[in-house]
Amino acid sequence: MKIVIVGSGGQLGNEFQKFLKGQENVYAFSRQELDVTDAEEVFATLHSIEPDVVVNCAAYTRVDQAEREKDLCHRINVLGARNVAWAAYRIRAKVVYFSTDYVFDGEHAIPYTELDEPCPLSVYGWSKLWGEYFTRSCNPNHLVVRTSWLYGEMGHNFVKTVVRLAREKGKLKVVDDQHGVPTWTKDLVQQTFELLVRDRVGLYHCASLGQTSWFHVSQIIIQVLGLSAEVFPISTEEYGALARRPKYSVLSNYFLELEGLNHMRFWEEALREFLTLFRKEFLRE
């Protein structure tokens, strides 16, 4: 299988490169090497390679900043998704697009399935939903994967922020009334690759199992790494973020379950393994 990874310099793109190294014929392009907002450049690059699969990891992920940079967010998450999906269609390749739990409004009391109607609260959430739409409409051979609260070895994420603030300040105030599921990029990539090998198409939720709050996640991080910091719970209103976030955005991997393909782990098991594996790197930074 010949695979192109777009947005390879980010958290998820890096994980895909690491996982596929030595397994598949992989071509990886960072944001600097391939601009997804340039339709002609995207098509010319993919046409020259003629891959079987194009994995679109390019994304604008600054949720609060997106409220101020709406046009930039839309260029990358919406037009970029369209450009990649259409170029992949023209060369008869499958396209993979990653979306988010933030396409939901958080009014549910039970986990969201692929059959639930999205209703984003933020510019970022809407941009990812429109990215889903353009991916589907431009290429019927698509795989749209929604995930949540991603963390990994590379890039910026909540885990790294907690570690940094705990070491710098010794005290943290963390939101305790937003509930979701932290998901390790490693688990997400492995599950997505299985869907590719099985040539699945359509929409799938792919998140770790269980549910928790940002506050509880921060407690686990500090405990496992042995950091001497105090964590205090606060409300979303007290935190005062610019972008609205769903109070409840737990994803159910319903379609994976129906097909007997759900191999995702419980969030705490995955997080503890991740923290143990990269403990030295965290404490050295």
Protein backbone atom coordinates (compact mmCIF):
# COMPACT_ATOMS: atom_id res chain seq x y z
CA MET A 1 0.00 0.00 0.00
CA LYS A 2 1.39 3.37 -1.04
CA ILE A 3 0.42 6.07 1.47
CA VAL A 4 0.79 9.85 1.50
CA ILE A 5 0.60 11.64 4.87
CA VAL A 6 -0.36 15.30 4.65
CA GLY A 7 0.38 17.42 7.71
CA SER A 8 3.11 15.05 8.86
CA GLY A 9 4.74 17.63 11.12
CA GLY A 10 1.90 17.63 13.63
CA GLN A 11 1.09 15.42 16.57
CA LEU A 12 -1.00 12.88 14.64
CA GLY A 13 1.03 13.01 11.43
CA ASN A 14 4.21 12.22 13.36
CA GLU A 15 2.55 9.24 15.00
CA PHE A 16 1.44 7.91 11.62
CA GLN A 17 4.96 8.19 10.24
CA LYS A 18 6.41 6.35 13.21
CA PHE A 19 3.83 3.57 13.02
CA LEU A 20 4.14 3.04 9.26
CA LYS A 21 7.93 3.20 9.10
CA GLY A 22 9.19 0.03 7.45
CA GLN A 23 5.66 -1.34 6.96
CA GLU A 24 4.35 0.60 3.99
CA ASN A 25 5.57 2.78 1.14
CA VAL A 26 5.10 6.17 2.80
CA TYR A 27 5.49 9.75 1.57
CA ALA A 28 5.17 12.38 4.30
CA PHE A 29 4.66 16.12 3.82
CA SER A 30 4.71 18.74 6.55
CA ARG A 31 2.84 22.04 6.33
CA GLN A 32 5.98 23.69 4.99
CA GLU A 33 6.40 21.01 2.31
CA LEU A 34 2.79 20.89 1.11
CA ASP A 35 0.22 23.64 1.63
CA VAL A 36 -3.25 22.05 1.69
CA THR A 37 -4.83 25.44 0.96
CA ASP A 38 -3.21 25.42 -2.51
CA ALA A 39 -5.43 23.15 -4.62
CA GLU A 40 -3.07 23.05 -7.61
CA GLU A 41 -0.06 22.18 -5.48
CA VAL A 42 -1.97 19.42 -3.67
CA PHE A 43 -3.14 17.81 -6.93
CA ALA A 44 0.27 18.08 -8.61
CA THR A 45 1.99 16.45 -5.62
CA LEU A 46 -0.49 13.59 -5.30
CA HIS A 47 -0.62 13.04 -9.06
CA SER A 48 3.16 12.67 -9.18
CA ILE A 49 3.08 9.96 -6.49
CA GLU A 50 -0.24 8.21 -7.26
CA PRO A 51 -0.78 6.76 -3.77
CA ASP A 52 -3.46 4.28 -2.78
CA VAL A 53 -4.33 6.26 0.35
CA VAL A 54 -4.01 9.92 1.35
CA VAL A 55 -4.08 10.49 5.12
CA ASN A 56 -5.02 14.09 5.85
CA CYS A 57 -3.53 15.08 9.23
CA ALA A 58 -3.32 18.77 8.33
CA ALA A 59 -5.45 20.76 10.74
CA TYR A 60 -5.92 24.07 12.51
CA THR A 61 -6.41 23.01 16.14
CA ARG A 62 -6.15 26.21 18.19
CA VAL A 63 -9.72 26.15 19.47
CA ASP A 64 -9.79 29.58 21.16
CA GLN A 65 -7.63 31.34 18.57
CA ALA A 66 -9.96 30.11 15.83
CA GLU A 67 -12.59 32.54 17.14
CA ARG A 68 -10.24 35.36 16.10
CA GLU A 69 -8.71 33.63 13.06
CA LYS A 70 -11.87 32.26 11.47
CA ASP A 71 -10.67 32.68 7.88
CA LEU A 72 -7.37 30.90 8.49
CA CYS A 73 -9.15 28.12 10.35
CA HIS A 74 -11.59 27.68 7.46
CA ARG A 75 -8.84 27.72 4.84
CA ILE A 76 -7.04 24.83 6.50
CA ASN A 77 -9.87 22.73 7.98
CA VAL A 78 -12.50 23.27 5.28
CA LEU A 79 -10.87 24.25 1.99
CA GLY A 80 -7.80 22.17 2.82
CA ALA A 81 -10.01 19.12 3.42
CA ARG A 82 -11.79 19.77 0.11
CA ASN A 83 -8.53 20.13 -1.79
CA VAL A 84 -7.04 16.92 -0.42
CA ALA A 85 -10.23 14.88 -0.89
CA TRP A 86 -10.81 16.11 -4.46
CA ALA A 87 -7.19 15.55 -5.48
CA ALA A 88 -7.33 12.04 -3.99
CA TYR A 89 -10.54 11.34 -5.92
CA ARG A 90 -8.97 12.48 -9.21
CA ILE A 91 -6.14 9.97 -8.79
CA ARG A 92 -8.52 7.23 -7.48
CA ALA A 93 -7.11 7.18 -3.96
CA LYS A 94 -8.89 6.75 -0.64
CA VAL A 95 -8.79 9.79 1.62
CA VAL A 96 -8.70 9.76 5.43
CA TYR A 97 -9.89 12.81 7.37
CA PHE A 98 -9.74 13.24 11.15
CA SER A 99 -12.48 15.11 12.96
CA THR A 100 -13.37 15.88 16.54
CA ASP A 101 -15.83 15.45 19.40
CA TYR A 102 -16.29 19.23 19.23
CA VAL A 103 -18.77 18.75 16.37
CA PHE A 104 -21.32 18.06 19.16
CA ASP A 105 -22.96 20.57 21.49
CA GLY A 106 -22.61 18.53 24.69
CA GLU A 107 -26.31 18.36 25.52
CA HIS A 108 -26.30 14.56 25.63
CA ALA A 109 -26.15 12.50 28.83
CA ILE A 110 -24.92 9.38 27.03
CA PRO A 111 -22.00 8.94 24.61
CA TYR A 112 -22.46 10.25 21.08
CA THR A 113 -22.61 7.70 18.26
CA GLU A 114 -22.04 8.15 14.54
CA LEU A 115 -25.84 8.38 14.16
CA ASP A 116 -26.23 11.46 16.37
CA GLU A 117 -26.76 14.86 14.77
CA PRO A 118 -23.76 17.22 15.11
CA CYS A 119 -24.27 20.77 16.37
CA PRO A 120 -20.93 22.56 17.00
CA LEU A 121 -20.55 25.42 19.45
CA SER A 122 -17.35 27.00 18.11
CA VAL A 123 -15.66 28.14 14.91
CA TYR A 124 -13.25 25.23 15.27
CA GLY A 125 -16.07 22.71 15.71
CA TRP A 126 -17.93 24.02 12.66
CA SER A 127 -14.75 24.00 10.57
CA LYS A 128 -14.15 20.33 11.33
CA LEU A 129 -17.77 19.45 10.55
CA TRP A 130 -17.58 21.25 7.21
CA GLY A 131 -14.27 19.48 6.62
CA GLU A 132 -16.13 16.20 7.09
CA TYR A 133 -18.78 17.32 4.62
CA PHE A 134 -16.33 18.32 1.89
CA THR A 135 -14.29 15.16 2.36
CA ARG A 136 -17.41 13.00 1.92
CA SER A 137 -18.84 15.00 -0.97
CA CYS A 138 -15.58 15.24 -2.93
CA ASN A 139 -14.49 11.61 -2.60
CA PRO A 140 -16.86 8.67 -2.05
CA ASN A 141 -13.85 6.53 -1.15
CA HIS A 142 -13.39 8.28 2.18
CA LEU A 143 -12.75 7.40 5.80
CA VAL A 144 -13.80 10.10 8.27
CA VAL A 145 -12.58 9.37 11.80
CA ARG A 146 -13.79 11.36 14.78
CA THR A 147 -11.67 11.26 17.90
CA SER A 148 -11.32 13.26 21.12
CA TRP A 149 -8.86 14.95 23.49
CA LEU A 150 -5.77 13.76 21.60
CA TYR A 151 -2.35 13.51 23.21
CA GLY A 152 0.92 12.05 21.98
CA GLU A 153 4.69 12.23 21.99
CA MET A 154 4.95 15.14 19.55
CA GLY A 155 3.27 18.53 19.37
CA HIS A 156 1.24 20.46 21.92
CA ASN A 157 -1.43 18.79 24.04
CA PHE A 158 -3.12 18.88 27.44
CA VAL A 159 -0.73 16.36 29.02
CA LYS A 160 2.32 18.44 28.19
CA THR A 161 0.61 21.62 29.34
CA VAL A 162 -0.22 20.08 32.74
CA VAL A 163 3.35 18.87 33.20
CA ARG A 164 4.78 22.28 32.28
CA LEU A 165 2.45 24.25 34.56
CA ALA A 166 2.86 21.81 37.44
CA ARG A 167 6.64 22.20 37.31
CA GLU A 168 6.59 25.97 36.76
CA LYS A 169 3.86 27.01 39.21
CA GLY A 170 3.17 24.11 41.56
CA LYS A 171 -0.56 24.90 41.48
CA LEU A 172 -3.10 24.34 38.72
CA LYS A 173 -6.74 25.24 38.25
CA VAL A 174 -8.37 22.76 35.87
CA VAL A 175 -11.90 22.58 34.49
CA ASP A 176 -13.96 19.83 36.12
CA ASP A 177 -17.31 20.19 34.35
CA GLN A 178 -16.28 19.19 30.82
CA HIS A 179 -16.44 15.44 30.25
CA GLY A 180 -14.84 13.53 27.41
CA VAL A 181 -12.29 10.85 26.56
CA PRO A 182 -8.50 11.37 26.30
CA THR A 183 -7.12 9.38 23.35
CA TRP A 184 -3.50 8.43 22.68
CA THR A 185 -2.42 9.06 19.09
CA LYS A 186 -0.73 5.64 19.05
CA ASP A 187 -4.02 3.83 19.69
CA LEU A 188 -5.86 6.01 17.18
CA VAL A 189 -3.31 5.32 14.44
CA GLN A 190 -3.36 1.56 15.03
CA GLN A 191 -7.16 1.45 14.91
CA THR A 192 -7.30 3.64 11.80
CA PHE A 193 -4.72 1.51 10.02
CA GLU A 194 -6.82 -1.58 10.66
CA LEU A 195 -9.76 0.17 8.97
CA LEU A 196 -7.51 0.97 6.01
CA VAL A 197 -6.30 -2.61 5.71
CA ARG A 198 -9.94 -3.77 5.74
CA ASP A 199 -10.79 -1.09 3.14
CA ARG A 200 -13.58 0.42 5.24
CA VAL A 201 -15.31 3.62 4.14
CA GLY A 202 -17.60 6.13 5.83
CA LEU A 203 -17.72 7.66 9.30
CA TYR A 204 -16.26 6.05 12.43
CA HIS A 205 -15.83 7.23 15.99
CA CYS A 206 -12.45 6.21 17.35
CA ALA A 207 -11.72 7.26 20.94
CA SER A 208 -10.49 5.55 24.07
CA LEU A 209 -13.10 3.84 26.23
CA GLY A 210 -14.68 5.30 29.35
CA GLN A 211 -15.09 8.97 30.24
CA THR A 212 -13.55 11.53 32.58
CA SER A 213 -12.99 15.24 33.15
CA TRP A 214 -9.97 17.43 32.44
CA PHE A 215 -9.51 17.78 36.20
CA HIS A 216 -9.30 14.03 36.78
CA VAL A 217 -6.90 13.62 33.86
CA SER A 218 -4.59 16.21 35.40
CA GLN A 219 -4.68 14.34 38.72
CA ILE A 220 -3.59 11.12 37.02
CA ILE A 221 -0.75 12.91 35.20
CA ILE A 222 0.63 14.43 38.40
CA GLN A 223 0.28 11.18 40.34
CA VAL A 224 1.99 8.95 37.73
CA LEU A 225 4.86 11.38 37.16
CA GLY A 226 5.28 12.07 40.87
CA LEU A 227 5.02 15.84 40.47
CA SER A 228 4.67 17.95 43.61
CA ALA A 229 1.79 20.13 42.50
CA GLU A 230 -1.73 20.84 43.71
CA VAL A 231 -4.72 20.72 41.37
CA PHE A 232 -7.91 22.64 42.05
CA PRO A 233 -11.20 22.08 40.18
CA ILE A 234 -12.90 25.06 38.56
CA SER A 235 -15.92 25.53 36.30
CA THR A 236 -15.87 26.32 32.60
CA GLU A 237 -17.22 29.78 33.41
CA GLU A 238 -14.40 30.41 35.90
CA TYR A 239 -11.81 29.37 33.33
CA GLY A 240 -13.22 31.87 30.85
CA ALA A 241 -12.11 30.38 27.51
CA LEU A 242 -12.93 32.36 24.38
CA ALA A 243 -14.49 29.45 22.47
CA ARG A 244 -17.50 27.54 23.79
CA ARG A 245 -16.85 23.87 24.44
CA PRO A 246 -19.30 21.00 24.92
CA LYS A 247 -19.85 20.08 28.54
CA TYR A 248 -20.20 16.43 27.52
CA SER A 249 -18.50 15.13 24.37
CA VAL A 250 -17.88 11.45 25.11
CA LEU A 251 -17.72 9.46 21.87
CA SER A 252 -19.09 5.95 21.49
CA ASN A 253 -17.21 3.80 18.96
CA TYR A 254 -20.58 2.41 17.92
CA PHE A 255 -19.79 1.37 14.34
CA LEU A 256 -16.52 -0.26 15.41
CA GLU A 257 -18.48 -2.20 18.02
CA LEU A 258 -21.13 -3.27 15.51
CA GLU A 259 -18.43 -4.67 13.22
CA GLY A 260 -16.44 -6.29 16.03
CA LEU A 261 -13.46 -4.06 15.28
CA ASN A 262 -13.22 -1.91 18.42
CA HIS A 263 -9.74 -2.47 19.84
CA MET A 264 -9.45 0.84 21.70
CA ARG A 265 -8.42 0.65 25.37
CA PHE A 266 -9.81 2.36 28.44
CA TRP A 267 -8.43 5.89 28.62
CA GLU A 268 -6.68 5.52 31.98
CA GLU A 269 -4.79 2.38 30.94
CA ALA A 270 -3.53 4.09 27.80
CA LEU A 271 -2.64 7.34 29.59
CA ARG A 272 -0.71 5.56 32.34
CA GLU A 273 1.28 3.59 29.74
CA PHE A 274 2.02 6.77 27.81
CA LEU A 275 3.21 8.64 30.91
CA THR A 276 5.37 5.73 32.04
CA LEU A 277 6.89 5.31 28.56
CA PHE A 278 7.83 8.98 28.22
CA ARG A 279 8.44 9.74 31.90
CA LYS A 280 12.11 10.64 31.41
CA GLU A 281 11.35 13.01 28.54
CA PHE A 282 8.65 14.78 30.56
CA LEU A 283 10.81 15.23 33.64
CA ARG A 284 13.82 16.34 31.61
CA GLU A 285 12.04 19.15 29.79
